[in-house]
């Protein structure tokens, strides 16, 4: 198991795409911030 932290000026979904790509197959633990919901919607 790994935990990834990234400090970025943005909290947008593009940061998730940059880090995880569209092919991420793992589990995301989140608080349902809108960027996470958008990432999950676009990559479901």
N, C-alpha and C. Protein backbone atom coordinates (compact mmCIF):
# COMPACT_ATOMS: atom_id res chain seq x y z
N UNK A 1 0.84 -1.16 0.00
CA UNK A 1 0.00 0.00 0.00
C UNK A 1 0.90 1.24 0.00
N UNK A 2 0.46 2.25 -0.72
CA UNK A 2 1.21 3.50 -0.80
C UNK A 2 0.28 4.67 -0.53
N UNK A 3 0.83 5.73 0.00
CA UNK A 3 0.12 6.99 0.15
C UNK A 3 0.91 8.04 -0.60
N UNK A 4 0.24 8.82 -1.40
CA UNK A 4 0.89 9.84 -2.21
C UNK A 4 0.38 11.21 -1.82
N UNK A 5 1.29 12.11 -1.55
CA UNK A 5 0.95 13.50 -1.28
C UNK A 5 1.64 14.33 -2.35
N UNK A 6 0.92 15.30 -2.87
CA UNK A 6 1.52 16.23 -3.83
C UNK A 6 1.08 17.64 -3.46
N UNK A 7 2.05 18.50 -3.32
CA UNK A 7 1.76 19.91 -3.08
C UNK A 7 1.69 20.61 -4.42
N UNK A 8 0.60 21.30 -4.65
CA UNK A 8 0.37 21.96 -5.94
C UNK A 8 -0.41 23.23 -5.68
N UNK A 9 -0.27 24.20 -6.53
CA UNK A 9 -1.02 25.45 -6.37
C UNK A 9 -2.50 25.25 -6.69
N UNK A 10 -2.83 24.21 -7.41
CA UNK A 10 -4.21 23.93 -7.80
C UNK A 10 -4.75 22.72 -7.05
N UNK A 11 -6.05 22.71 -6.81
CA UNK A 11 -6.73 21.54 -6.27
C UNK A 11 -7.63 20.92 -7.32
N UNK A 12 -7.46 21.31 -8.58
CA UNK A 12 -8.32 20.86 -9.66
C UNK A 12 -8.07 19.42 -10.08
N UNK A 13 -9.00 18.90 -10.86
CA UNK A 13 -8.92 17.50 -11.32
C UNK A 13 -7.73 17.27 -12.24
N UNK A 14 -7.20 18.30 -12.88
CA UNK A 14 -6.04 18.12 -13.76
C UNK A 14 -4.83 17.61 -12.98
N UNK A 15 -4.71 18.01 -11.72
CA UNK A 15 -3.62 17.51 -10.88
C UNK A 15 -3.73 16.00 -10.73
N UNK A 16 -4.94 15.49 -10.51
CA UNK A 16 -5.15 14.05 -10.41
C UNK A 16 -4.79 13.36 -11.71
N UNK A 17 -5.17 13.93 -12.83
CA UNK A 17 -4.82 13.35 -14.13
C UNK A 17 -3.31 13.32 -14.32
N UNK A 18 -2.64 14.39 -13.92
CA UNK A 18 -1.18 14.45 -14.07
C UNK A 18 -0.49 13.38 -13.23
N UNK A 19 -0.99 13.13 -12.03
CA UNK A 19 -0.36 12.19 -11.11
C UNK A 19 -0.78 10.75 -11.39
N UNK A 20 -2.08 10.52 -11.57
CA UNK A 20 -2.61 9.17 -11.66
C UNK A 20 -2.83 8.68 -13.08
N UNK A 21 -2.94 9.56 -14.03
CA UNK A 21 -3.28 9.29 -15.42
C UNK A 21 -4.70 8.78 -15.52
N UNK A 22 -5.14 8.46 -16.71
CA UNK A 22 -6.49 7.96 -16.94
C UNK A 22 -6.59 6.47 -16.69
N UNK A 23 -5.47 5.79 -16.48
CA UNK A 23 -5.46 4.34 -16.38
C UNK A 23 -5.28 3.83 -14.95
N UNK A 24 -5.41 4.69 -13.96
CA UNK A 24 -5.25 4.31 -12.57
C UNK A 24 -6.30 3.26 -12.19
N UNK A 25 -5.87 2.16 -11.60
CA UNK A 25 -6.76 1.06 -11.24
C UNK A 25 -6.84 0.84 -9.73
N UNK A 26 -6.28 1.75 -8.95
CA UNK A 26 -6.26 1.58 -7.51
C UNK A 26 -7.48 2.15 -6.82
N UNK A 27 -7.36 2.36 -5.55
CA UNK A 27 -8.43 2.89 -4.73
C UNK A 27 -8.07 4.32 -4.33
N UNK A 28 -9.03 5.21 -4.45
CA UNK A 28 -8.83 6.60 -4.02
C UNK A 28 -9.68 6.83 -2.79
N UNK A 29 -9.03 7.18 -1.70
CA UNK A 29 -9.75 7.57 -0.49
C UNK A 29 -9.87 9.08 -0.51
N UNK A 30 -11.09 9.58 -0.50
CA UNK A 30 -11.27 11.02 -0.64
C UNK A 30 -12.48 11.51 0.15
N UNK A 31 -12.62 12.82 0.21
CA UNK A 31 -13.73 13.45 0.91
C UNK A 31 -14.80 13.94 -0.08
N UNK A 32 -14.77 13.45 -1.29
CA UNK A 32 -15.70 13.82 -2.36
C UNK A 32 -15.63 15.28 -2.74
N UNK A 33 -14.45 15.85 -2.60
CA UNK A 33 -14.19 17.18 -3.15
C UNK A 33 -14.48 17.11 -4.65
N UNK A 34 -14.93 18.17 -5.25
CA UNK A 34 -15.39 18.16 -6.64
C UNK A 34 -14.34 17.65 -7.63
N UNK A 35 -13.07 17.89 -7.39
CA UNK A 35 -12.03 17.40 -8.31
C UNK A 35 -11.99 15.88 -8.33
N UNK A 36 -12.20 15.25 -7.19
CA UNK A 36 -12.23 13.78 -7.14
C UNK A 36 -13.45 13.25 -7.87
N UNK A 37 -14.60 13.88 -7.66
CA UNK A 37 -15.83 13.43 -8.34
C UNK A 37 -15.67 13.56 -9.85
N UNK A 38 -15.08 14.66 -10.31
CA UNK A 38 -14.87 14.84 -11.75
C UNK A 38 -13.92 13.79 -12.29
N UNK A 39 -12.83 13.52 -11.58
CA UNK A 39 -11.87 12.51 -12.01
C UNK A 39 -12.56 11.15 -12.14
N UNK A 40 -13.33 10.78 -11.13
CA UNK A 40 -14.02 9.48 -11.16
C UNK A 40 -15.05 9.43 -12.29
N UNK A 41 -15.75 10.51 -12.51
CA UNK A 41 -16.75 10.57 -13.59
C UNK A 41 -16.10 10.43 -14.96
N UNK A 42 -14.98 11.11 -15.17
CA UNK A 42 -14.30 11.08 -16.46
C UNK A 42 -13.56 9.78 -16.73
N UNK A 43 -13.21 9.06 -15.68
CA UNK A 43 -12.38 7.86 -15.84
C UNK A 43 -13.07 6.60 -15.33
N UNK A 44 -14.37 6.60 -15.38
CA UNK A 44 -15.13 5.43 -14.91
C UNK A 44 -15.32 4.43 -16.03
